[in-house]
Amino acid sequence: MSDEDKLCMFFPTVIQVSQVENAEELNKRLLQAIYEIKATTPNSKPRGWCCEVYTTMCTPFGLLEREEFKEIRDVIEQKTLHYANALKYNVKKHKPKINECWVNVYSMTHSQEVHRHPNSVFSGIYYVKAPKGSAPTLFHSEVSDIMLEPPITENNLLNTHVTPLDAIEGRMIIFRSWLRHSVLPSTVTEDRVTIAFNATM
């Protein structure tokens, strides 16, 4: 490439990746609460989902209003505010508000199909339990459905249409709700446990 040629990165897809402090002890408490919920609360997987996963997405209770989730609620609010600030959104007049939160428990062969989170501004995932070999979260480019795909010599961030982000215990990721994402079928015997959330402004 000559000095006259310049690659301009327009419309970047911004994902915030954080490692939560003291996650090991926090996750122990969260796991106990989540498995108590799972033992007493039926799966509320939305109608139309083709995948298999235990979720409280459509369960009519406020997860973050429970005392066991107060600490992670504070972290979610803090990290979401940081993300909104980084994108220079007007948080002084319109502070982000968590409007939905639910747990997902992925057992062997469970997965999540490609989807967005409508009617929200921000979405996020916190990994409470992610044993070695857990399926990553896949993020899908908004141009991945184009009609023609040119041949490539190597995969990189300039030409890929699907990018994985590893599931790591204590990791929290936040992204704009329009970004499509999915989870491949689990191939490990231990559960992969996440807390997912949406926020508005």
N, C-alpha and C. Protein backbone atom coordinates (compact mmCIF):
# COMPACT_ATOMS: atom_id res chain seq x y z
N MET A 1 0.85 -1.19 0.00
CA MET A 1 0.00 0.00 0.00
C MET A 1 0.89 1.24 0.00
N SER A 2 0.61 2.19 -0.87
CA SER A 2 1.42 3.40 -0.95
C SER A 2 1.02 4.38 0.14
N ASP A 3 1.82 5.44 0.28
CA ASP A 3 1.53 6.46 1.27
C ASP A 3 0.24 7.20 0.95
N GLU A 4 -0.21 7.12 -0.30
CA GLU A 4 -1.43 7.81 -0.70
C GLU A 4 -2.68 7.02 -0.36
N ASP A 5 -2.48 5.74 -0.09
CA ASP A 5 -3.63 4.89 0.21
C ASP A 5 -3.85 4.85 1.72
N LYS A 6 -5.08 5.04 2.14
CA LYS A 6 -5.39 5.06 3.56
C LYS A 6 -6.69 4.30 3.80
N LEU A 7 -6.69 3.38 4.75
CA LEU A 7 -7.90 2.67 5.14
C LEU A 7 -8.60 3.44 6.25
N CYS A 8 -9.84 3.81 6.01
CA CYS A 8 -10.62 4.59 7.00
C CYS A 8 -11.64 3.66 7.66
N MET A 9 -11.64 3.65 8.98
CA MET A 9 -12.55 2.77 9.73
C MET A 9 -13.83 3.53 10.06
N PHE A 10 -14.82 3.47 9.18
CA PHE A 10 -16.10 4.12 9.42
C PHE A 10 -17.05 3.14 10.14
N PHE A 11 -17.94 3.71 10.95
CA PHE A 11 -18.99 2.94 11.62
C PHE A 11 -18.44 1.74 12.39
N PRO A 12 -17.52 1.95 13.32
CA PRO A 12 -16.97 0.81 14.07
C PRO A 12 -18.02 0.17 14.96
N THR A 13 -17.90 -1.11 15.16
CA THR A 13 -18.75 -1.84 16.10
C THR A 13 -18.02 -1.88 17.44
N VAL A 14 -18.57 -1.21 18.43
CA VAL A 14 -17.88 -1.03 19.70
C VAL A 14 -18.47 -1.97 20.76
N ILE A 15 -17.62 -2.84 21.29
CA ILE A 15 -18.01 -3.75 22.36
C ILE A 15 -17.09 -3.49 23.55
N GLN A 16 -17.68 -3.26 24.70
CA GLN A 16 -16.89 -3.05 25.92
C GLN A 16 -16.69 -4.38 26.63
N VAL A 17 -15.45 -4.72 26.92
CA VAL A 17 -15.12 -5.97 27.60
C VAL A 17 -14.46 -5.61 28.94
N SER A 18 -15.04 -6.10 30.04
CA SER A 18 -14.53 -5.79 31.38
C SER A 18 -14.38 -7.07 32.17
N GLN A 19 -13.41 -7.06 33.07
CA GLN A 19 -13.26 -8.15 34.03
C GLN A 19 -13.68 -7.60 35.40
N VAL A 20 -14.73 -8.17 35.96
CA VAL A 20 -15.29 -7.67 37.22
C VAL A 20 -14.39 -8.05 38.39
N GLU A 21 -14.17 -7.10 39.28
CA GLU A 21 -13.32 -7.36 40.46
C GLU A 21 -14.02 -8.32 41.42
N ASN A 22 -13.21 -9.11 42.11
CA ASN A 22 -13.71 -10.06 43.12
C ASN A 22 -14.79 -10.99 42.55
N ALA A 23 -14.62 -11.35 41.28
CA ALA A 23 -15.65 -12.13 40.59
C ALA A 23 -15.80 -13.53 41.17
N GLU A 24 -14.74 -14.12 41.66
CA GLU A 24 -14.82 -15.50 42.13
C GLU A 24 -15.81 -15.64 43.29
N GLU A 25 -15.69 -14.78 44.27
CA GLU A 25 -16.62 -14.84 45.42
C GLU A 25 -18.01 -14.41 45.00
N LEU A 26 -18.10 -13.38 44.18
CA LEU A 26 -19.40 -12.92 43.69
C LEU A 26 -20.11 -14.04 42.94
N ASN A 27 -19.40 -14.74 42.08
CA ASN A 27 -20.01 -15.79 41.27
C ASN A 27 -20.51 -16.96 42.12
N LYS A 28 -19.83 -17.26 43.20
CA LYS A 28 -20.30 -18.32 44.10
C LYS A 28 -21.68 -17.98 44.65
N ARG A 29 -21.85 -16.73 45.07
CA ARG A 29 -23.14 -16.30 45.62
C ARG A 29 -24.21 -16.26 44.53
N LEU A 30 -23.83 -15.78 43.35
CA LEU A 30 -24.79 -15.70 42.25
C LEU A 30 -25.23 -17.08 41.80
N LEU A 31 -24.29 -18.02 41.72
CA LEU A 31 -24.64 -19.37 41.28
C LEU A 31 -25.63 -20.02 42.23
N GLN A 32 -25.43 -19.84 43.51
CA GLN A 32 -26.36 -20.41 44.48
C GLN A 32 -27.77 -19.85 44.27
N ALA A 33 -27.86 -18.54 44.08
CA ALA A 33 -29.15 -17.90 43.86
C ALA A 33 -29.77 -18.35 42.53
N ILE A 34 -28.95 -18.47 41.49
CA ILE A 34 -29.46 -18.85 40.17
C ILE A 34 -29.99 -20.28 40.18
N TYR A 35 -29.28 -21.19 40.82
CA TYR A 35 -29.76 -22.57 40.84
C TYR A 35 -30.98 -22.74 41.74
N GLU A 36 -31.12 -21.89 42.74
CA GLU A 36 -32.36 -21.89 43.53
C GLU A 36 -33.53 -21.42 42.68
N ILE A 37 -33.30 -20.41 41.86
CA ILE A 37 -34.34 -19.94 40.93
C ILE A 37 -34.69 -21.04 39.93
N LYS A 38 -33.66 -21.67 39.38
CA LYS A 38 -33.89 -22.71 38.37
C LYS A 38 -34.68 -23.88 38.94
N ALA A 39 -34.46 -24.20 40.22
CA ALA A 39 -35.15 -25.33 40.85
C ALA A 39 -36.63 -25.03 41.12
N THR A 40 -36.98 -23.76 41.18
CA THR A 40 -38.35 -23.39 41.56
C THR A 40 -39.11 -22.62 40.48
N THR A 41 -38.42 -22.24 39.41
CA THR A 41 -39.03 -21.40 38.37
C THR A 41 -38.98 -22.11 37.03
N PRO A 42 -40.14 -22.34 36.40
CA PRO A 42 -40.14 -23.02 35.10
C PRO A 42 -39.38 -22.23 34.04
N ASN A 43 -38.88 -22.94 33.06
CA ASN A 43 -38.21 -22.32 31.92
C ASN A 43 -39.19 -21.40 31.20
N SER A 44 -38.79 -20.16 30.97
CA SER A 44 -39.68 -19.21 30.28
C SER A 44 -39.11 -18.83 28.91
N LYS A 45 -38.57 -19.81 28.22
CA LYS A 45 -38.04 -19.58 26.88
C LYS A 45 -39.13 -19.00 25.98
N PRO A 46 -38.86 -17.89 25.32
CA PRO A 46 -39.89 -17.26 24.48
C PRO A 46 -40.38 -18.18 23.37
N ARG A 47 -41.63 -18.02 23.02
CA ARG A 47 -42.20 -18.79 21.92
C ARG A 47 -41.48 -18.41 20.63
N GLY A 48 -41.17 -19.39 19.83
CA GLY A 48 -40.48 -19.14 18.57
C GLY A 48 -39.00 -19.40 18.63
N TRP A 49 -38.44 -19.50 19.84
CA TRP A 49 -37.02 -19.86 19.92
C TRP A 49 -36.84 -21.30 19.48
N CYS A 50 -35.91 -21.54 18.58
CA CYS A 50 -35.63 -22.91 18.13
C CYS A 50 -34.59 -23.60 19.00
N CYS A 51 -33.80 -22.81 19.72
CA CYS A 51 -32.72 -23.38 20.52
C CYS A 51 -33.24 -23.93 21.85
N GLU A 52 -32.38 -24.68 22.51
CA GLU A 52 -32.68 -25.18 23.85
C GLU A 52 -31.76 -24.48 24.85
N VAL A 53 -32.34 -23.90 25.87
CA VAL A 53 -31.59 -23.23 26.94
C VAL A 53 -32.58 -22.93 28.06
N TYR A 54 -32.13 -23.00 29.31
CA TYR A 54 -32.99 -22.56 30.42
C TYR A 54 -32.82 -21.05 30.56
N THR A 55 -33.94 -20.33 30.61
CA THR A 55 -33.90 -18.88 30.75
C THR A 55 -35.06 -18.38 31.58
N THR A 56 -34.85 -17.25 32.25
CA THR A 56 -35.93 -16.57 32.97
C THR A 56 -36.37 -15.33 32.22
N MET A 57 -36.06 -15.27 30.93
CA MET A 57 -36.33 -14.06 30.15
C MET A 57 -37.77 -13.59 30.26
N CYS A 58 -38.72 -14.50 30.22
CA CYS A 58 -40.14 -14.12 30.24
C CYS A 58 -40.79 -14.39 31.59
N THR A 59 -39.98 -14.51 32.63
CA THR A 59 -40.51 -14.72 33.97
C THR A 59 -40.85 -13.36 34.59
N PRO A 60 -42.07 -13.19 35.11
CA PRO A 60 -42.49 -11.86 35.59
C PRO A 60 -42.00 -11.53 37.00
N PHE A 61 -40.67 -11.52 37.20
CA PHE A 61 -40.15 -10.98 38.46
C PHE A 61 -38.90 -10.16 38.17
N GLY A 62 -38.63 -9.20 39.03
CA GLY A 62 -37.48 -8.34 38.84
C GLY A 62 -36.23 -8.98 39.42
N LEU A 63 -35.41 -9.55 38.55
CA LEU A 63 -34.22 -10.27 39.01
C LEU A 63 -33.30 -9.37 39.83
N LEU A 64 -33.07 -8.16 39.33
CA LEU A 64 -32.13 -7.28 39.99
C LEU A 64 -32.70 -6.63 41.25
N GLU A 65 -33.98 -6.83 41.50
CA GLU A 65 -34.57 -6.33 42.74
C GLU A 65 -34.32 -7.27 43.90
N ARG A 66 -33.85 -8.47 43.61
CA ARG A 66 -33.55 -9.43 44.66
C ARG A 66 -32.24 -9.06 45.35
N GLU A 67 -32.19 -9.28 46.64
CA GLU A 67 -31.02 -8.90 47.43
C GLU A 67 -29.76 -9.61 46.94
N GLU A 68 -29.88 -10.87 46.50
CA GLU A 68 -28.71 -11.63 46.06
C GLU A 68 -28.05 -11.04 44.81
N PHE A 69 -28.81 -10.22 44.07
CA PHE A 69 -28.30 -9.67 42.83
C PHE A 69 -27.95 -8.18 42.94
N LYS A 70 -27.99 -7.64 44.16
CA LYS A 70 -27.72 -6.21 44.35
C LYS A 70 -26.31 -5.85 43.89
N GLU A 71 -25.32 -6.68 44.25
CA GLU A 71 -23.94 -6.36 43.92
C GLU A 71 -23.72 -6.36 42.41
N ILE A 72 -24.25 -7.35 41.71
CA ILE A 72 -24.06 -7.39 40.27
C ILE A 72 -24.88 -6.30 39.59
N ARG A 73 -26.01 -5.93 40.18
CA ARG A 73 -26.79 -4.81 39.64
C ARG A 73 -25.96 -3.52 39.65
N ASP A 74 -25.26 -3.27 40.75
CA ASP A 74 -24.43 -2.08 40.84
C ASP A 74 -23.33 -2.09 39.78
N VAL A 75 -22.74 -3.27 39.56
CA VAL A 75 -21.69 -3.39 38.55
C VAL A 75 -22.25 -3.15 37.15
N ILE A 76 -23.42 -3.73 36.86
CA ILE A 76 -24.05 -3.54 35.55
C ILE A 76 -24.31 -2.06 35.30
N GLU A 77 -24.85 -1.37 36.30
CA GLU A 77 -25.15 0.06 36.14
C GLU A 77 -23.87 0.86 35.91
N GLN A 78 -22.82 0.54 36.66
CA GLN A 78 -21.55 1.25 36.53
C GLN A 78 -20.93 1.02 35.16
N LYS A 79 -20.88 -0.23 34.72
CA LYS A 79 -20.25 -0.55 33.44
C LYS A 79 -21.05 -0.02 32.26
N THR A 80 -22.37 -0.04 32.37
CA THR A 80 -23.20 0.50 31.28
C THR A 80 -23.01 2.01 31.17
N LEU A 81 -22.93 2.69 32.30
CA LEU A 81 -22.68 4.13 32.29
C LEU A 81 -21.31 4.44 31.66
N HIS A 82 -20.32 3.64 31.98
CA HIS A 82 -18.99 3.84 31.41
C HIS A 82 -19.02 3.68 29.89
N TYR A 83 -19.73 2.66 29.42
CA TYR A 83 -19.84 2.42 27.97
C TYR A 83 -20.54 3.59 27.28
N ALA A 84 -21.65 4.06 27.88
CA ALA A 84 -22.38 5.18 27.29
C ALA A 84 -21.54 6.44 27.26
N ASN A 85 -20.76 6.66 28.30
CA ASN A 85 -19.85 7.81 28.34
C ASN A 85 -18.80 7.72 27.25
N ALA A 86 -18.27 6.51 27.04
CA ALA A 86 -17.24 6.32 26.03
C ALA A 86 -17.76 6.64 24.63
N LEU A 87 -19.04 6.40 24.41
CA LEU A 87 -19.66 6.69 23.12
C LEU A 87 -20.20 8.12 23.04
N LYS A 88 -19.96 8.90 24.10
CA LYS A 88 -20.36 10.30 24.17
C LYS A 88 -21.87 10.51 24.06
N TYR A 89 -22.62 9.59 24.64
CA TYR A 89 -24.06 9.78 24.72
C TYR A 89 -24.37 10.73 25.88
N ASN A 90 -25.51 11.36 25.83
CA ASN A 90 -25.85 12.39 26.81
C ASN A 90 -26.38 11.74 28.09
N VAL A 91 -25.45 11.28 28.92
CA VAL A 91 -25.84 10.58 30.15
C VAL A 91 -26.24 11.53 31.26
N LYS A 92 -25.90 12.82 31.12
CA LYS A 92 -26.31 13.78 32.15
C LYS A 92 -27.81 13.98 32.14
N LYS A 93 -28.40 14.03 30.95
CA LYS A 93 -29.85 14.19 30.83
C LYS A 93 -30.57 12.86 30.73
N HIS A 94 -29.87 11.85 30.23
CA HIS A 94 -30.52 10.56 29.97
C HIS A 94 -29.63 9.44 30.49
N LYS A 95 -29.61 9.24 31.76
CA LYS A 95 -28.77 8.20 32.35
C LYS A 95 -29.30 6.82 31.96
N PRO A 96 -28.43 5.90 31.60
CA PRO A 96 -28.89 4.55 31.24
C PRO A 96 -29.68 3.89 32.37
N LYS A 97 -30.75 3.20 32.00
CA LYS A 97 -31.61 2.52 32.96
C LYS A 97 -31.74 1.06 32.56
N ILE A 98 -31.44 0.17 33.49
CA ILE A 98 -31.59 -1.26 33.22
C ILE A 98 -33.08 -1.59 33.21
N ASN A 99 -33.58 -2.06 32.09
CA ASN A 99 -35.02 -2.33 31.99
C ASN A 99 -35.35 -3.81 31.94
N GLU A 100 -34.35 -4.67 31.69
CA GLU A 100 -34.58 -6.12 31.66
C GLU A 100 -33.33 -6.83 32.12
N CYS A 101 -33.53 -7.95 32.82
CA CYS A 101 -32.39 -8.76 33.23
C CYS A 101 -32.88 -10.19 33.46
N TRP A 102 -32.10 -11.15 33.02
CA TRP A 102 -32.53 -12.55 33.15
C TRP A 102 -31.29 -13.45 33.21
N VAL A 103 -31.51 -14.70 33.62
CA VAL A 103 -30.41 -15.66 33.66
C VAL A 103 -30.59 -16.69 32.56
N ASN A 104 -29.47 -17.20 32.06
CA ASN A 104 -29.45 -18.26 31.06
C ASN A 104 -28.54 -19.38 31.58
N VAL A 105 -29.03 -20.61 31.51
CA VAL A 105 -28.23 -21.76 31.89
C VAL A 105 -28.15 -22.69 30.68
N TYR A 106 -26.94 -22.81 30.12
CA TYR A 106 -26.71 -23.65 28.95
C TYR A 106 -26.14 -24.98 29.42
N SER A 107 -26.88 -26.06 29.22
CA SER A 107 -26.39 -27.40 29.50
C SER A 107 -25.88 -28.02 28.20
N MET A 108 -25.47 -29.25 28.26
CA MET A 108 -24.91 -29.94 27.09
C MET A 108 -25.85 -29.82 25.89
N THR A 109 -25.34 -29.44 24.75
CA THR A 109 -26.00 -29.24 23.46
C THR A 109 -26.84 -27.97 23.39
N HIS A 110 -27.01 -27.24 24.49
CA HIS A 110 -27.81 -26.01 24.46
C HIS A 110 -27.09 -24.92 23.68
N SER A 111 -27.87 -24.03 23.09
CA SER A 111 -27.29 -22.97 22.25
C SER A 111 -28.22 -21.76 22.26
N GLN A 112 -27.85 -20.75 21.47
CA GLN A 112 -28.69 -19.57 21.28
C GLN A 112 -28.59 -19.15 19.83
N GLU A 113 -29.74 -19.02 19.18
CA GLU A 113 -29.74 -18.66 17.78
C GLU A 113 -29.37 -17.19 17.58
N VAL A 114 -29.09 -16.80 16.36
CA VAL A 114 -28.73 -15.42 16.04
C VAL A 114 -29.92 -14.51 16.33
N HIS A 115 -29.66 -13.44 17.08
CA HIS A 115 -30.75 -12.55 17.45
C HIS A 115 -30.23 -11.18 17.83
N ARG A 116 -31.16 -10.22 17.93
CA ARG A 116 -30.91 -8.89 18.46
C ARG A 116 -31.77 -8.71 19.71
N HIS A 117 -31.59 -7.58 20.39
CA HIS A 117 -32.44 -7.25 21.54
C HIS A 117 -33.24 -5.98 21.20
N PRO A 118 -34.44 -6.12 20.67
CA PRO A 118 -35.21 -4.95 20.25
C PRO A 118 -35.68 -4.10 21.44
N ASN A 119 -36.01 -2.86 21.15
CA ASN A 119 -36.56 -1.92 22.14
C ASN A 119 -35.59 -1.63 23.27
N SER A 120 -34.30 -1.68 22.99
CA SER A 120 -33.28 -1.35 23.98
C SER A 120 -32.16 -0.57 23.29
N VAL A 121 -31.33 0.07 24.08
CA VAL A 121 -30.18 0.80 23.56
C VAL A 121 -28.90 0.00 23.77
N PHE A 122 -28.75 -0.52 24.99
CA PHE A 122 -27.57 -1.31 25.34
C PHE A 122 -27.99 -2.72 25.76
N SER A 123 -27.11 -3.67 25.50
CA SER A 123 -27.31 -5.03 25.98
C SER A 123 -25.99 -5.54 26.53
N GLY A 124 -26.08 -6.53 27.42
CA GLY A 124 -24.86 -7.03 28.00
C GLY A 124 -24.98 -8.46 28.49
N ILE A 125 -23.84 -9.07 28.72
CA ILE A 125 -23.76 -10.44 29.21
C ILE A 125 -22.70 -10.49 30.30
N TYR A 126 -23.02 -11.14 31.41
CA TYR A 126 -22.04 -11.39 32.45
C TYR A 126 -21.90 -12.90 32.61
N TYR A 127 -20.67 -13.39 32.58
CA TYR A 127 -20.41 -14.82 32.65
C TYR A 127 -20.20 -15.23 34.12
N VAL A 128 -21.21 -15.89 34.66
CA VAL A 128 -21.15 -16.35 36.05
C VAL A 128 -20.38 -17.66 36.15
N LYS A 129 -20.61 -18.54 35.20
CA LYS A 129 -19.90 -19.82 35.14
C LYS A 129 -19.57 -20.13 33.69
N ALA A 130 -18.31 -20.40 33.43
CA ALA A 130 -17.88 -20.71 32.06
C ALA A 130 -16.74 -21.71 32.13
N PRO A 131 -17.07 -23.00 32.27
CA PRO A 131 -16.01 -24.02 32.34
C PRO A 131 -15.18 -24.05 31.06
N LYS A 132 -13.98 -24.60 31.17
CA LYS A 132 -13.09 -24.69 30.03
C LYS A 132 -13.78 -25.37 28.86
N GLY A 133 -13.69 -24.76 27.70
CA GLY A 133 -14.34 -25.30 26.51
C GLY A 133 -15.72 -24.75 26.27
N SER A 134 -16.17 -23.82 27.12
CA SER A 134 -17.50 -23.23 26.93
C SER A 134 -17.59 -22.52 25.58
N ALA A 135 -18.76 -22.56 24.99
CA ALA A 135 -18.96 -21.90 23.69
C ALA A 135 -18.80 -20.39 23.84
N PRO A 136 -18.10 -19.76 22.90
CA PRO A 136 -17.98 -18.30 22.95
C PRO A 136 -19.29 -17.64 22.52
N THR A 137 -19.39 -16.36 22.74
CA THR A 137 -20.48 -15.58 22.16
C THR A 137 -20.00 -15.11 20.79
N LEU A 138 -20.79 -15.38 19.77
CA LEU A 138 -20.45 -14.98 18.41
C LEU A 138 -21.16 -13.67 18.07
N PHE A 139 -20.42 -12.71 17.55
CA PHE A 139 -21.00 -11.46 17.08
C PHE A 139 -20.99 -11.46 15.56
N HIS A 140 -22.14 -11.08 14.99
CA HIS A 140 -22.34 -11.18 13.54
C HIS A 140 -22.40 -9.79 12.91
N SER A 141 -21.61 -9.61 11.86
CA SER A 141 -21.60 -8.34 11.15
C SER A 141 -22.96 -8.03 10.55
N GLU A 142 -23.28 -6.76 10.52
CA GLU A 142 -24.55 -6.34 9.91
C GLU A 142 -24.54 -6.51 8.40
N VAL A 143 -23.38 -6.78 7.80
CA VAL A 143 -23.32 -6.99 6.35
C VAL A 143 -23.10 -8.46 6.01
N SER A 144 -23.34 -9.33 6.98
CA SER A 144 -23.06 -10.75 6.75
C SER A 144 -24.06 -11.42 5.81
N ASP A 145 -25.14 -10.74 5.47
CA ASP A 145 -26.12 -11.32 4.55
C ASP A 145 -25.99 -10.77 3.13
N ILE A 146 -24.85 -10.20 2.79
CA ILE A 146 -24.68 -9.69 1.44
C ILE A 146 -24.71 -10.83 0.43
N MET A 147 -25.04 -10.50 -0.81
CA MET A 147 -25.25 -11.54 -1.82
C MET A 147 -23.96 -12.20 -2.27
N LEU A 148 -22.90 -11.42 -2.45
CA LEU A 148 -21.65 -11.96 -2.99
C LEU A 148 -20.53 -11.78 -1.97
N GLU A 149 -19.71 -12.80 -1.83
CA GLU A 149 -18.58 -12.76 -0.90
C GLU A 149 -17.30 -13.04 -1.69
N PRO A 150 -16.35 -12.12 -1.71
CA PRO A 150 -15.12 -12.34 -2.49
C PRO A 150 -14.22 -13.36 -1.82
N PRO A 151 -13.37 -14.03 -2.58
CA PRO A 151 -12.41 -14.97 -1.99
C PRO A 151 -11.39 -14.21 -1.16
N ILE A 152 -10.93 -14.83 -0.08
CA ILE A 152 -9.95 -14.18 0.80
C ILE A 152 -8.73 -15.08 0.97
N THR A 153 -7.61 -14.49 1.32
CA THR A 153 -6.38 -15.25 1.54
C THR A 153 -6.15 -15.53 3.01
N GLU A 154 -6.74 -14.74 3.90
CA GLU A 154 -6.65 -14.99 5.33
C GLU A 154 -7.78 -14.25 6.03
N ASN A 155 -8.23 -14.79 7.14
CA ASN A 155 -9.26 -14.13 7.93
C ASN A 155 -8.62 -13.09 8.84
N ASN A 156 -9.22 -11.91 8.88
CA ASN A 156 -8.79 -10.88 9.81
C ASN A 156 -9.97 -9.99 10.15
N LEU A 157 -9.75 -8.99 11.01
CA LEU A 157 -10.84 -8.15 11.48
C LEU A 157 -11.39 -7.24 10.39
N LEU A 158 -10.68 -7.12 9.27
CA LEU A 158 -11.16 -6.29 8.18
C LEU A 158 -12.12 -7.02 7.25
N ASN A 159 -12.09 -8.36 7.27
CA ASN A 159 -12.95 -9.09 6.33
C ASN A 159 -13.88 -10.10 6.98
N THR A 160 -13.74 -10.33 8.29
CA THR A 160 -14.59 -11.33 8.91
C THR A 160 -16.02 -10.82 9.11
N HIS A 161 -16.96 -11.73 9.06
CA HIS A 161 -18.36 -11.39 9.30
C HIS A 161 -18.89 -11.98 10.59
N VAL A 162 -18.09 -12.84 11.22
CA VAL A 162 -18.46 -13.41 12.52
C VAL A 162 -17.21 -13.40 13.40
N THR A 163 -17.33 -12.82 14.58
CA THR A 163 -16.20 -12.73 15.49
C THR A 163 -16.57 -13.32 16.84
N PRO A 164 -15.82 -14.31 17.33
CA PRO A 164 -16.12 -14.90 18.64
C PRO A 164 -15.48 -14.11 19.77
N LEU A 165 -16.16 -14.09 20.90
CA LEU A 165 -15.60 -13.52 22.12
C LEU A 165 -15.72 -14.59 23.20
N ASP A 166 -14.60 -14.99 23.76
CA ASP A 166 -14.58 -16.12 24.69
C ASP A 166 -15.43 -15.86 25.93
N ALA A 167 -16.08 -16.91 26.39
CA ALA A 167 -16.81 -16.88 27.66
C ALA A 167 -15.80 -17.12 28.78
N ILE A 168 -15.61 -16.12 29.64
CA ILE A 168 -14.66 -16.19 30.73
C ILE A 168 -15.36 -15.77 32.01
N GLU A 169 -15.26 -16.57 33.03
CA GLU A 169 -15.93 -16.25 34.30
C GLU A 169 -15.47 -14.89 34.81
N GLY A 170 -16.43 -14.06 35.19
CA GLY A 170 -16.12 -12.73 35.69
C GLY A 170 -16.06 -11.68 34.61
N ARG A 171 -16.20 -12.07 33.35
CA ARG A 171 -16.17 -11.12 32.23
C ARG A 171 -17.55 -10.55 31.99
N MET A 172 -17.62 -9.25 31.74
CA MET A 172 -18.87 -8.60 31.35
C MET A 172 -18.65 -7.91 30.02
N ILE A 173 -19.55 -8.14 29.08
CA ILE A 173 -19.48 -7.47 27.79
C ILE A 173 -20.74 -6.66 27.58
N ILE A 174 -20.58 -5.47 27.01
CA ILE A 174 -21.71 -4.57 26.75
C ILE A 174 -21.60 -4.08 25.31
N PHE A 175 -22.73 -4.01 24.63
CA PHE A 175 -22.75 -3.65 23.22
C PHE A 175 -24.07 -3.01 22.89
N ARG A 176 -24.16 -2.38 21.73
CA ARG A 176 -25.43 -1.82 21.28
C ARG A 176 -26.40 -2.94 20.95
N SER A 177 -27.66 -2.74 21.28
CA SER A 177 -28.65 -3.82 21.20
C SER A 177 -28.96 -4.28 19.78
N TRP A 178 -28.57 -3.48 18.78
CA TRP A 178 -28.84 -3.89 17.40
C TRP A 178 -27.84 -4.93 16.91
N LEU A 179 -26.78 -5.16 17.65
CA LEU A 179 -25.73 -6.07 17.18
C LEU A 179 -26.17 -7.53 17.32
N ARG A 180 -26.19 -8.23 16.22
CA ARG A 180 -26.62 -9.62 16.24
C ARG A 180 -25.57 -10.51 16.89
N HIS A 181 -26.03 -11.49 17.65
CA HIS A 181 -25.11 -12.39 18.34
C HIS A 181 -25.77 -13.74 18.54
N SER A 182 -24.95 -14.74 18.88
CA SER A 182 -25.45 -16.10 19.06
C SER A 182 -24.47 -16.89 19.92
N VAL A 183 -24.87 -18.11 20.28
CA VAL A 183 -24.01 -19.02 21.04
C VAL A 183 -24.10 -20.40 20.39
N LEU A 184 -22.97 -20.98 20.05
CA LEU A 184 -22.95 -22.31 19.45
C LEU A 184 -23.36 -23.37 20.47
N PRO A 185 -23.80 -24.54 20.03
CA PRO A 185 -24.19 -25.61 20.96
C PRO A 185 -23.06 -25.98 21.91
N SER A 186 -23.42 -26.15 23.17
CA SER A 186 -22.43 -26.49 24.20
C SER A 186 -21.91 -27.90 23.99
N THR A 187 -20.59 -28.06 24.15
CA THR A 187 -19.97 -29.38 24.01
C THR A 187 -19.32 -29.83 25.32
N VAL A 188 -19.58 -29.11 26.41
CA VAL A 188 -19.03 -29.48 27.71
C VAL A 188 -20.15 -29.96 28.62
N THR A 189 -19.81 -30.78 29.60
CA THR A 189 -20.83 -31.37 30.46
C THR A 189 -21.27 -30.43 31.56
N GLU A 190 -20.42 -29.47 31.95
CA GLU A 190 -20.81 -28.52 32.98
C GLU A 190 -21.62 -27.38 32.37
N ASP A 191 -22.45 -26.74 33.20
CA ASP A 191 -23.28 -25.64 32.73
C ASP A 191 -22.46 -24.40 32.42
N ARG A 192 -22.93 -23.68 31.42
CA ARG A 192 -22.45 -22.33 31.11
C ARG A 192 -23.55 -21.39 31.58
N VAL A 193 -23.26 -20.52 32.55
CA VAL A 193 -24.30 -19.71 33.20
C VAL A 193 -24.01 -18.24 32.99
N THR A 194 -25.01 -17.52 32.49
CA THR A 194 -24.84 -16.09 32.24
C THR A 194 -26.01 -15.29 32.81
N ILE A 195 -25.74 -14.02 33.08
CA ILE A 195 -26.77 -13.03 33.36
C ILE A 195 -26.77 -12.07 32.19
N ALA A 196 -27.92 -11.90 31.56
CA ALA A 196 -28.05 -11.00 30.42
C ALA A 196 -28.94 -9.82 30.81
N PHE A 197 -28.71 -8.69 30.17
CA PHE A 197 -29.48 -7.50 30.53
C PHE A 197 -29.62 -6.55 29.35
N ASN A 198 -30.64 -5.71 29.43
CA ASN A 198 -30.87 -4.64 28.47
C ASN A 198 -31.01 -3.33 29.22
N ALA A 199 -30.68 -2.24 28.54
CA ALA A 199 -30.82 -0.92 29.14
C ALA A 199 -31.32 0.08 28.10
N THR A 200 -32.03 1.07 28.56
CA THR A 200 -32.50 2.16 27.72
C THR A 200 -31.90 3.47 28.22
N MET A 201 -32.25 4.57 27.57
CA MET A 201 -31.83 5.90 28.03
C MET A 201 -33.05 6.81 28.06
